Protein backbone atom coordinates (compact mmCIF):
# COMPACT_ATOMS: atom_id res chain seq x y z
CA MET A 1 -8.27 -2.53 -14.43
CA LEU A 2 -11.86 -2.06 -15.63
CA MET A 3 -14.50 -1.45 -12.70
CA GLU A 4 -18.38 -1.37 -13.29
CA GLU A 5 -20.58 -0.41 -10.19
CA ARG A 6 -24.13 -1.91 -10.46
CA PRO A 7 -26.89 -3.05 -8.59
CA ASN A 8 -26.32 -6.72 -6.99
CA ASN A 9 -28.96 -7.75 -9.24
CA PHE A 10 -27.32 -6.36 -12.48
CA THR A 11 -23.97 -8.16 -14.40
CA GLN A 12 -20.98 -7.05 -12.66
CA ILE A 13 -17.74 -7.73 -14.03
CA VAL A 14 -14.40 -6.58 -12.49
CA ASP A 15 -11.24 -6.97 -14.86
CA ALA A 16 -7.90 -6.74 -13.66
CA ASP A 17 -4.18 -7.37 -14.86
CA HIS A 18 -2.06 -9.05 -12.33
CA ALA A 19 1.13 -9.77 -13.85
CA TYR A 20 0.97 -13.05 -13.87
CA TYR A 21 -3.15 -13.72 -14.07
CA ILE A 22 -5.94 -11.73 -15.30
CA SER A 23 -8.94 -11.44 -12.79
CA LYS A 24 -12.53 -11.05 -13.62
CA ILE A 25 -15.16 -11.18 -11.16
CA TYR A 26 -18.83 -12.04 -12.03
CA GLY A 27 -21.53 -10.37 -9.98
CA PRO A 28 -24.91 -12.34 -8.90
CA GLY A 29 -26.66 -11.43 -12.10
CA ASP A 30 -24.21 -12.70 -14.35
CA ALA A 31 -24.80 -15.83 -16.41
CA ALA A 32 -21.15 -16.64 -15.64
CA SER A 33 -21.72 -16.96 -11.85
CA LYS A 34 -23.88 -19.79 -12.46
CA GLU A 35 -21.86 -21.63 -14.94
CA LEU A 36 -18.89 -21.65 -13.16
CA TRP A 37 -20.37 -23.15 -10.00
CA VAL A 38 -19.36 -26.93 -9.94
CA ASN A 39 -22.96 -29.00 -8.72
CA ILE A 40 -21.52 -32.15 -7.35
CA ASP A 41 -24.77 -32.99 -6.38
CA ASP A 42 -25.19 -34.37 -10.15
CA MET A 43 -22.20 -36.18 -9.96
CA GLU A 44 -22.11 -39.82 -9.26
CA GLU A 45 -21.07 -40.76 -5.63
CA ASN A 46 -17.76 -42.49 -7.09
CA GLN A 47 -16.66 -39.04 -8.78
CA TRP A 48 -16.66 -37.12 -5.36
CA LYS A 49 -15.23 -37.69 -2.22
CA VAL A 50 -16.51 -36.06 1.41
CA HIS A 51 -13.01 -36.10 3.55
CA GLY A 52 -13.61 -37.18 7.36
CA PHE A 53 -10.97 -36.13 8.60
CA LEU A 54 -11.12 -32.45 7.42
CA SER A 55 -14.93 -32.27 8.27
CA ASN A 56 -14.51 -33.08 11.88
CA THR A 57 -11.79 -30.94 12.90
CA HIS A 58 -10.28 -27.26 12.91
CA ARG A 59 -7.16 -25.93 11.61
CA GLN A 60 -5.98 -29.49 9.96
CA ALA A 61 -4.72 -29.92 6.10
CA GLU A 62 -4.54 -33.16 3.73
CA ARG A 63 -2.09 -33.60 1.04
CA VAL A 64 -4.22 -34.52 -2.16
CA ASN A 65 -2.21 -36.06 -5.13
CA LEU A 66 -3.84 -34.63 -8.54
CA SER A 67 -4.62 -36.32 -11.79
CA PHE A 68 -3.01 -33.97 -13.75
CA ASN A 69 0.01 -31.04 -14.11
CA PHE A 70 -1.76 -28.20 -12.53
CA PRO A 71 0.67 -24.74 -13.78
CA PHE A 72 0.87 -22.59 -11.17
CA TYR A 73 2.64 -19.29 -11.48
CA GLY A 74 4.44 -20.72 -14.69
CA HIS A 75 5.58 -24.15 -12.33
CA ILE A 76 4.06 -27.34 -12.00
CA LEU A 77 2.21 -28.60 -9.33
CA LYS A 78 1.40 -32.38 -9.12
CA GLU A 79 0.39 -32.16 -4.92
CA ILE A 80 -1.66 -29.83 -3.39
CA THR A 81 -2.86 -29.38 0.66
CA VAL A 82 -6.21 -28.77 1.25
CA ALA A 83 -6.88 -26.95 4.59
CA THR A 84 -10.31 -26.50 6.73
CA GLY A 85 -9.70 -22.93 6.25
CA GLY A 86 -11.05 -22.32 3.13
CA PHE A 87 -7.78 -22.51 1.13
CA ILE A 88 -5.47 -24.82 -0.50
CA TYR A 89 -1.59 -24.60 0.33
CA THR A 90 0.78 -25.17 -2.76
CA GLY A 91 4.38 -25.39 -1.19
CA ASP A 92 6.01 -28.68 -0.65
CA ILE A 93 7.28 -27.91 2.52
CA ILE A 94 5.04 -28.17 5.57
CA HIS A 95 5.18 -25.87 8.05
CA ARG A 96 2.83 -23.90 10.83
CA MET A 97 2.44 -20.61 9.19
CA LEU A 98 0.56 -21.99 5.84
CA THR A 99 -1.47 -19.01 5.70
CA ALA A 100 1.78 -16.78 4.80
CA THR A 101 2.02 -17.51 1.37
CA GLN A 102 1.77 -19.99 -1.40
CA TYR A 103 -2.11 -20.28 -1.25
CA ILE A 104 -5.25 -20.52 -3.36
CA ALA A 105 -7.67 -18.77 -1.19
CA PRO A 106 -10.97 -18.53 -2.28
CA LEU A 107 -12.17 -17.36 1.49
CA MET A 108 -9.40 -18.38 3.84
CA ALA A 109 -10.77 -17.76 7.43
CA ASN A 110 -11.03 -19.29 10.70
CA PHE A 111 -13.43 -21.99 9.60
CA VAL A 112 -14.85 -25.10 11.98
CA PRO A 113 -16.38 -27.71 10.10
CA SER A 114 -16.41 -29.95 13.04
CA LEU A 115 -18.99 -27.53 14.97
CA SER A 116 -21.59 -29.09 12.79
CA LYS A 117 -22.59 -32.50 11.40
CA ASN A 118 -23.97 -30.79 7.97
CA SER A 119 -20.77 -29.19 7.58
CA THR A 120 -17.95 -30.69 4.98
CA VAL A 121 -14.91 -30.54 3.05
CA PHE A 122 -14.89 -32.58 0.12
CA TYR A 123 -13.25 -32.64 -3.46
CA CYS A 124 -13.31 -34.52 -6.74
CA ASP A 125 -10.85 -34.89 -9.97
CA ASN A 126 -11.71 -35.71 -13.45
CA GLY A 127 -8.83 -35.54 -14.76
CA THR A 128 -9.00 -32.30 -16.44
CA ALA A 129 -10.32 -30.19 -13.36
CA PHE A 130 -9.77 -30.74 -9.40
CA VAL A 131 -12.66 -29.08 -7.22
CA VAL A 132 -12.70 -28.58 -3.38
CA GLN A 133 -15.87 -27.48 -1.84
CA TRP A 134 -16.57 -25.97 1.54
CA SER A 135 -20.01 -26.51 2.34
CA CYS A 136 -22.31 -25.13 5.36
CA ILE A 137 -18.74 -24.40 7.64
CA HIS A 138 -18.92 -21.78 10.58
CA ILE A 139 -16.47 -19.30 11.58
CA GLN A 140 -14.97 -20.07 14.79
CA ASP A 141 -15.06 -16.65 16.16
CA ASN A 142 -18.58 -16.01 15.51
CA ILE A 143 -20.92 -18.92 14.68
CA SER A 144 -23.77 -16.49 14.97
CA LEU A 145 -22.91 -15.61 10.98
CA GLY A 146 -24.49 -18.29 9.73
CA THR A 147 -22.77 -21.11 7.03
CA PHE A 148 -20.64 -20.40 4.26
CA THR A 149 -20.24 -22.60 1.07
CA PHE A 150 -18.02 -22.07 -1.60
CA GLN A 151 -15.65 -23.96 -4.00
CA ALA A 152 -12.47 -23.68 -5.65
CA VAL A 153 -12.12 -25.14 -8.92
CA LEU A 154 -8.36 -25.95 -10.62
CA HIS A 155 -8.09 -26.83 -14.38
CA ASP A 156 -5.32 -28.46 -16.29
CA ASN A 157 -4.45 -25.32 -18.07
CA GLY A 158 -4.06 -23.05 -14.78
CA ARG A 159 -7.10 -21.41 -14.57
CA ILE A 160 -8.55 -20.56 -11.26
CA VAL A 161 -12.00 -20.39 -10.63
CA PHE A 162 -13.57 -18.89 -7.37
CA ALA A 163 -17.09 -19.39 -6.96
CA TYR A 164 -19.74 -18.77 -3.80
CA LYS A 165 -23.12 -20.12 -3.01
CA GLU A 166 -23.44 -18.93 0.32
CA ILE A 167 -21.73 -16.03 1.87
CA PRO A 168 -23.96 -14.55 4.86
CA VAL A 169 -22.05 -11.27 5.28
CA ASP A 170 -19.89 -8.68 4.23
CA ILE A 171 -16.13 -10.42 4.04
CA ASN A 172 -14.61 -7.49 5.57
CA SER A 173 -16.47 -7.93 8.75
CA ILE A 174 -14.83 -10.80 9.18
CA SER A 175 -12.10 -11.10 12.18
CA SER A 176 -8.91 -11.47 11.25
CA GLU A 177 -7.72 -11.29 15.16
CA ASN A 178 -7.25 -15.03 15.51
CA HIS A 179 -6.92 -16.24 11.45
CA PRO A 180 -6.03 -14.34 8.25
CA VAL A 181 -8.98 -13.54 6.20
CA LYS A 182 -7.65 -13.67 2.41
CA VAL A 183 -8.89 -14.18 -0.90
CA GLY A 184 -5.96 -14.61 -4.02
CA LEU A 185 -3.13 -16.23 -4.65
CA SER A 186 -0.08 -15.93 -3.51
CA ASP A 187 3.69 -17.76 -4.26
CA ALA A 188 6.83 -17.94 -3.22
CA PHE A 189 10.07 -19.38 -3.73
CA VAL A 190 12.25 -21.51 -1.08
CA VAL A 191 15.87 -21.41 0.00
CA LEU A 192 17.28 -23.87 2.29
CA HIS A 193 20.56 -23.20 4.19
CA GLU A 194 22.88 -25.14 6.02
CA ILE A 195 23.48 -24.53 9.69
CA GLU A 196 27.37 -25.88 9.91
CA GLN A 197 26.92 -25.85 14.01
CA ILE A 198 24.23 -28.41 13.59
CA PRO A 199 24.65 -31.63 11.61
CA ASN A 200 21.64 -32.57 9.19
CA VAL A 201 20.03 -29.41 9.66
CA ARG A 202 18.59 -26.81 7.62
CA ARG A 203 17.06 -23.35 8.06
CA THR A 204 14.46 -22.67 5.50
CA THR A 205 13.42 -18.99 4.33
CA ILE A 206 10.34 -18.26 2.06
CA TYR A 207 10.06 -15.47 -0.05
CA GLU A 208 7.09 -14.31 -1.26
CA TYR A 209 7.60 -12.87 -4.72
CA HIS A 210 3.98 -11.98 -5.95
CA LYS A 211 0.34 -12.38 -4.64
CA VAL A 212 -3.36 -11.69 -5.90
CA ASN A 213 -5.42 -9.88 -3.66
CA ILE A 214 -9.33 -10.14 -4.89
CA LEU A 215 -11.46 -7.35 -3.47
CA LYS A 216 -13.63 -8.78 -0.72
CA SER A 217 -16.19 -6.35 -1.04
CA LYS A 218 -17.05 -8.13 -4.31
CA ILE A 219 -17.52 -11.27 -2.89
CA SER A 220 -21.57 -12.57 -1.94
CA ASN A 221 -23.69 -14.90 -3.00
CA PHE A 222 -23.33 -16.61 -6.23
CA THR A 223 -20.58 -14.38 -7.24
CA ALA A 224 -17.62 -16.28 -9.12
CA VAL A 225 -14.25 -15.24 -9.67
CA GLU A 226 -12.44 -16.32 -12.74
CA MET A 227 -8.38 -16.35 -12.71
CA ILE A 228 -6.98 -16.60 -16.07
CA PRO A 229 -3.10 -17.41 -16.60
CA LEU A 230 -0.52 -14.91 -18.09
CA PRO A 231 2.54 -16.51 -20.10
CA THR A 232 5.71 -16.31 -17.88
CA CYS A 233 9.30 -16.98 -18.41
CA LEU A 234 9.30 -20.65 -17.65
CA GLN A 235 6.99 -21.66 -20.41
CA PHE A 236 10.55 -21.37 -23.10
CA SER A 237 12.76 -24.33 -23.43
CA SER A 238 15.62 -22.42 -25.63
CA CYS A 239 17.80 -19.16 -25.61
CA GLY A 240 16.39 -17.72 -28.62
CA SER A 241 12.84 -18.09 -27.47
CA CYS A 242 13.33 -16.91 -24.03
CA VAL A 243 15.00 -13.44 -24.79
CA THR A 244 13.27 -12.40 -27.86
CA SER A 245 9.83 -13.15 -25.90
CA GLN A 246 7.76 -10.34 -25.54
CA ILE A 247 5.18 -11.20 -22.63
CA GLY A 248 5.75 -8.11 -20.00
CA PHE A 249 8.67 -9.80 -18.59
CA ASN A 250 12.33 -9.60 -19.19
CA CYS A 251 13.05 -13.26 -19.57
CA SER A 252 17.02 -14.12 -19.51
CA TRP A 253 18.32 -17.66 -20.32
CA CYS A 254 20.38 -19.13 -17.53
CA THR A 255 23.76 -20.30 -19.61
CA VAL A 256 25.05 -22.41 -16.46
CA THR A 257 22.22 -25.03 -15.84
CA GLN A 258 20.92 -24.96 -19.10
CA ARG A 259 17.46 -26.44 -18.09
CA GLN A 260 14.57 -26.02 -19.59
CA CYS A 261 12.62 -25.59 -16.23
CA HIS A 262 14.48 -23.02 -15.15
CA ALA A 263 15.48 -21.34 -18.43
CA CYS A 264 14.52 -18.08 -17.61
CA ALA A 265 13.15 -15.57 -14.85
CA ALA A 266 11.58 -13.20 -14.33
CA GLY A 267 12.89 -9.50 -13.46
CA GLY A 268 13.59 -6.03 -14.47
CA GLU A 269 17.37 -5.50 -14.09
CA ASN A 270 19.25 -4.68 -16.67
CA THR A 271 22.87 -6.14 -17.44
CA GLY A 272 24.68 -3.01 -15.81
CA GLU A 273 22.53 -3.16 -12.53
CA SER A 274 23.31 -7.21 -12.44
CA ASP A 275 26.98 -6.52 -12.90
CA GLU A 276 27.14 -3.96 -9.74
CA LEU A 277 24.98 -6.62 -7.50
CA GLN A 278 27.91 -9.29 -8.29
CA LEU A 279 30.34 -6.59 -7.99
CA GLY A 280 28.81 -5.59 -4.68
CA LEU A 281 28.37 -9.65 -3.38
CA LEU A 282 31.96 -10.25 -4.13
CA VAL A 283 33.04 -7.28 -2.08
CA GLY A 284 30.84 -8.47 0.67
CA ILE A 285 32.37 -11.92 0.37
CA VAL A 286 36.08 -10.67 0.31
CA ILE A 287 35.40 -8.51 3.54
CA LEU A 288 33.23 -11.24 5.54
CA MET A 289 36.64 -13.75 4.73
CA ILE A 290 39.05 -11.00 5.92
CA PHE A 291 36.77 -10.63 9.39
CA MET A 292 36.79 -14.56 9.63
CA ALA A 293 40.79 -14.62 9.49
CA THR A 294 41.07 -11.96 11.93
CA ALA A 295 38.74 -13.73 14.21
CA VAL A 296 40.57 -16.79 13.69
CA LEU A 297 43.98 -15.67 14.48
CA LEU A 298 42.91 -13.55 17.34
CA SER A 299 41.37 -16.27 18.83
CA VAL A 300 44.51 -18.35 18.51
CA TYR A 301 46.73 -15.68 20.07
CA MET A 302 44.83 -15.63 23.08
CA TYR A 303 44.59 -18.97 23.67
CA ASN A 304 48.80 -19.62 23.44
CA HIS A 305 48.99 -16.07 25.36
CA PRO A 306 46.41 -16.21 28.02
CA THR A 307 48.30 -13.06 29.89
CA SER A 308 48.15 -10.90 27.25
CA SER A 309 46.39 -7.48 27.24
CA ALA A 310 43.97 -8.82 24.87
CA SER A 311 42.90 -11.90 26.47
CA LEU A 312 42.37 -10.34 29.51
CA PHE A 313 40.10 -7.72 27.86
CA PHE A 314 37.80 -10.64 27.02
CA MET A 315 37.87 -12.12 30.17
CA GLU A 316 36.90 -9.19 32.33
CA ARG A 317 34.27 -8.21 29.95
CA ARG A 318 32.93 -11.71 29.47
CA PRO A 319 29.29 -12.47 30.54
CA THR A 320 28.39 -13.90 34.14
CA HIS A 321 26.53 -16.66 32.18
CA TRP A 322 25.64 -17.24 28.35
CA PRO A 323 22.12 -16.30 27.50
CA VAL A 324 19.80 -19.66 26.98
CA MET A 325 18.53 -20.48 23.65
CA LYS A 326 14.66 -19.82 23.84
CA PHE A 327 12.15 -21.71 21.57
CA ARG A 328 9.78 -19.42 19.51
CA ARG A 329 6.58 -20.94 19.41
CA GLY A 330 5.62 -18.50 17.05
CA SER A 331 3.35 -15.18 16.39
CA GLY A 332 -0.55 -15.04 16.98
CA HIS A 333 -1.50 -16.42 13.41
CA PRO A 334 -2.93 -20.02 12.95
CA SER A 335 -0.75 -23.11 13.37
CA TYR A 336 -2.05 -26.23 10.71
CA CYS A 337 -0.39 -28.59 12.78
CA GLU A 338 -1.17 -32.12 11.10
CA VAL A 339 -1.39 -32.42 7.51
CA GLU A 340 -2.46 -36.13 6.48
CA ALA A 341 -0.66 -38.00 3.48
CA PRO A 342 -2.11 -38.49 0.56
CA THR A 343 -2.26 -42.38 1.58
CA HIS A 344 -4.39 -41.19 4.48
CA ASP A 345 -2.10 -43.03 6.83
CA LYS A 346 -2.52 -41.24 10.20
CA ASP A 347 1.08 -42.89 11.45
CA ASN A 348 2.59 -40.17 8.49
CA MET A 349 1.00 -37.10 9.58
CA VAL A 350 3.47 -34.54 9.72
CA GLN A 351 2.52 -33.32 13.41
CA CYS A 352 3.93 -29.62 14.64
CA SER A 353 3.48 -30.50 18.49
CA ARG A 354 5.58 -33.33 17.64
CA ASN A 355 8.24 -30.80 16.22
CA ALA A 356 8.12 -28.50 18.85
CA ARG A 357 8.96 -31.22 21.52
CA LYS A 358 11.90 -32.03 19.45
CA SER A 359 12.88 -28.40 19.03
CA LEU A 360 12.53 -28.28 22.83
CA LYS A 361 15.05 -31.24 23.27
CA LEU A 362 17.50 -29.36 21.12
CA GLN A 363 16.71 -26.42 22.93
CA ASN A 364 17.76 -27.84 26.23
CA VAL A 365 21.27 -29.44 25.01
CA PHE A 366 22.50 -26.32 23.86
CA SER A 367 21.23 -24.68 27.05
CA ASP A 368 23.18 -27.68 28.94
């Protein structure tokens, strides 16, 4: 990492290698800071769109289709979610914790565009770049701080730019009590688990594997952050190019699927460690099967011999009532409850409150 501290009116460039991206922070005195800012005022009105839904609400988001394939951490995105809270959500699954991971955040905070008629959230897509601008927006927790204006630009080559025009305070001083405050990137992968006890219901687990944290102290008026993507294993489409690559990752070819989009996986495990993991997994599965078989046989035995010692033992120690399943509303982090579909059809919006009511009904069925 190369860091150069200078007064704000001089060039100040900070380079950092984040494994998946190289970030460059340009200070107010650097020409790149002005060049990276996209002046939407100079564009024709038909080239950009002010979204009334996002500009007049709080903690809301809208799904947007991109006109180009955007590579993010090596995989392709064709649709993103723009949120009022100063960030873009990149995941496919909409949930209440959009701020947790899978984001592109020029400045994630508790912004409320609806507090002022001058506050807007708008975007434009010219076929090679997608620009989102949060303009003249306030923070709900402290309106007296002033207004914020900044952009996020996604380029078709995977390059990401954060540009800042109006940052009235030190970002480190913004309260994160009611909303996370983040600057950077995050990605994760999603695993779906079938729940045997409940048909057609799947449990979703999200694993964050990498994030880029940009120094908040470097963000001020007329600064910019440029993130350049580095090569990843996903770019290789053949076994030879995959296993012989020298890009900083230990790429390995998947001999089972033979699919190009999942040809390589980043990791640092050697073959011996992989074999140990597979052996441990096999032993765990065998132990679990033995335990389940024992439980089934014991249940059958107690059912057919209700007066046996085992049956009486469990009957004497059974609880007076089974605990009621409780619906968990989540932590104190924010909830982005409405996500408007790309068609802008409000009837198709995903509402978390509606999902919560469904969960409560499901809970009542179990508790009865």
